[in-house]
Protein backbone atom coordinates (compact mmCIF):
# COMPACT_ATOMS: atom_id res chain seq x y z
CA MET A 1 112.48 18.68 -240.76
CA ILE A 2 108.89 19.81 -241.62
CA ARG A 3 105.79 18.17 -239.94
CA ILE A 4 102.78 17.62 -241.30
CA LEU A 5 99.33 16.51 -240.32
CA LEU A 6 97.16 14.69 -242.98
CA ASP A 7 93.41 15.64 -242.85
CA GLN A 8 90.94 12.71 -242.78
CA ASN A 9 90.51 11.04 -246.30
CA PHE A 10 94.02 12.58 -247.53
CA ASP A 11 94.85 10.12 -250.43
CA GLN A 12 97.10 7.55 -249.10
CA ASN A 13 98.81 7.09 -252.49
CA ILE A 14 100.24 10.78 -252.26
CA VAL A 15 101.32 10.02 -248.87
CA ARG A 16 103.35 6.62 -250.22
CA GLY A 17 104.50 8.61 -253.07
CA LEU A 18 106.00 11.54 -250.98
CA LEU A 19 107.48 8.67 -248.51
CA ASP A 20 109.37 6.71 -251.28
CA ARG A 21 111.33 9.96 -252.29
CA LEU A 22 111.15 11.53 -248.92
CA PRO A 23 111.80 8.70 -246.30
CA ASP A 24 112.07 11.03 -243.40
CA LEU A 25 109.24 13.07 -243.74
CA ASP A 26 107.18 13.76 -240.02
CA LEU A 27 103.95 12.55 -241.33
CA VAL A 28 100.65 11.83 -238.80
CA HIS A 29 97.04 11.30 -239.50
CA THR A 30 94.10 12.51 -237.95
CA GLU A 31 92.89 9.38 -237.91
CA HIS A 32 95.67 7.72 -236.24
CA LEU A 33 95.43 10.27 -233.79
CA GLY A 34 91.65 9.71 -232.62
CA ILE A 35 90.76 13.13 -234.31
CA LYS A 36 89.39 12.00 -237.52
CA ARG A 37 86.12 13.45 -236.50
CA PHE A 38 87.30 16.79 -235.57
CA THR A 39 86.05 19.93 -237.18
CA ASP A 40 88.42 22.15 -239.32
CA ASP A 41 89.02 24.49 -236.98
CA LYS A 42 89.80 21.99 -234.14
CA VAL A 43 92.10 20.10 -236.66
CA LEU A 44 93.94 23.43 -236.97
CA GLU A 45 94.25 24.24 -233.54
CA PHE A 46 95.63 20.84 -233.14
CA ALA A 47 98.12 21.73 -235.59
CA ALA A 48 98.83 24.95 -234.58
CA ASN A 49 99.78 23.39 -230.77
CA GLU A 50 101.64 20.52 -232.25
CA GLY A 51 103.78 22.86 -235.00
CA ARG A 52 102.36 20.82 -238.25
CA ILE A 53 101.35 21.70 -241.46
CA VAL A 54 98.16 20.56 -242.67
CA PHE A 55 97.61 18.95 -245.69
CA THR A 56 94.15 18.61 -247.02
CA HIS A 57 91.69 18.09 -250.20
CA ASP A 58 89.20 20.00 -248.48
CA SER A 59 88.73 23.39 -250.38
CA LYS A 60 85.73 24.97 -249.85
CA THR A 61 85.68 24.75 -246.06
CA PHE A 62 89.14 24.39 -244.83
CA PRO A 63 90.85 27.63 -245.75
CA GLY A 64 88.32 29.92 -244.61
CA PHE A 65 88.88 28.46 -241.18
CA ALA A 66 92.74 28.78 -241.61
CA TYR A 67 92.24 32.39 -242.63
CA ALA A 68 90.08 32.82 -240.01
CA ARG A 69 92.53 31.85 -237.60
CA ILE A 70 95.26 34.24 -239.24
CA GLY A 71 92.66 37.14 -238.92
CA SER A 72 92.18 36.42 -235.20
CA GLY A 73 96.07 36.48 -234.56
CA GLU A 74 95.90 32.46 -233.67
CA ARG A 75 99.08 30.53 -234.83
CA MET A 76 98.27 28.66 -237.86
CA CYS A 77 101.17 26.55 -239.34
CA GLY A 78 100.17 26.32 -243.00
CA VAL A 79 97.43 24.29 -244.76
CA ILE A 80 98.27 23.17 -248.27
CA VAL A 81 95.34 22.11 -250.43
CA VAL A 82 95.71 19.17 -253.18
CA PRO A 83 92.87 18.89 -255.23
CA LYS A 84 91.22 15.66 -255.42
CA ARG A 85 91.16 15.67 -259.52
CA MET A 86 95.05 16.18 -259.41
CA SER A 87 96.80 13.43 -261.06
CA LEU A 88 98.77 12.00 -258.62
CA LYS A 89 102.31 12.65 -260.11
CA LYS A 90 102.10 15.78 -260.24
CA ALA A 91 100.50 15.99 -256.72
CA ILE A 92 103.59 14.29 -255.41
CA ASP A 93 105.94 16.31 -257.69
CA GLU A 94 104.47 19.97 -256.45
CA LEU A 95 104.55 18.90 -252.99
CA GLU A 96 107.85 17.43 -253.14
CA LEU A 97 109.03 20.36 -254.45
CA LEU A 98 107.33 22.56 -251.57
CA LEU A 99 108.72 20.65 -249.06
CA LEU A 100 112.18 21.06 -250.19
CA CYS A 101 112.43 24.79 -251.03
CA LEU A 102 110.32 26.58 -248.25
CA ALA A 103 111.90 26.86 -245.39
CA ASP A 104 110.02 26.09 -242.21
CA SER A 105 109.24 29.74 -241.31
CA GLU A 106 108.02 30.10 -244.30
CA TRP A 107 104.70 27.75 -243.84
CA GLU A 108 103.77 29.93 -241.01
CA GLY A 109 100.53 31.41 -241.94
CA ALA A 110 100.57 30.48 -245.55
CA VAL A 111 97.59 28.82 -247.55
CA LEU A 112 98.77 27.02 -250.75
CA ARG A 113 96.76 25.73 -253.35
CA LEU A 114 97.91 23.28 -255.69
CA PRO A 115 99.20 23.28 -258.99
CA ILE A 116 101.57 25.80 -257.95
């Protein structure tokens, strides 16, 4: 099963909706791990070490750090950017589709922006 790290301030309504549909998801939140104040590059490093894909709303800086990791040959398990303005239902629908359709190996080095 895909392992997910939720960036700080990730919408908990989306999380609840995903867990209603996919109750076995392996989700952890930066806040619960004590890394809420980590910079984006440190969150990505943590995620890579733990083999987790990052869900974030940060479309301005987070993808740049992800691409920098890829460019420097460092492991980057994947990032999904969900716009804050996206409707709750659409965000849940699209995340569920991605989680069900992509194999674990397809996430490595991927930076995806919703909507798909």
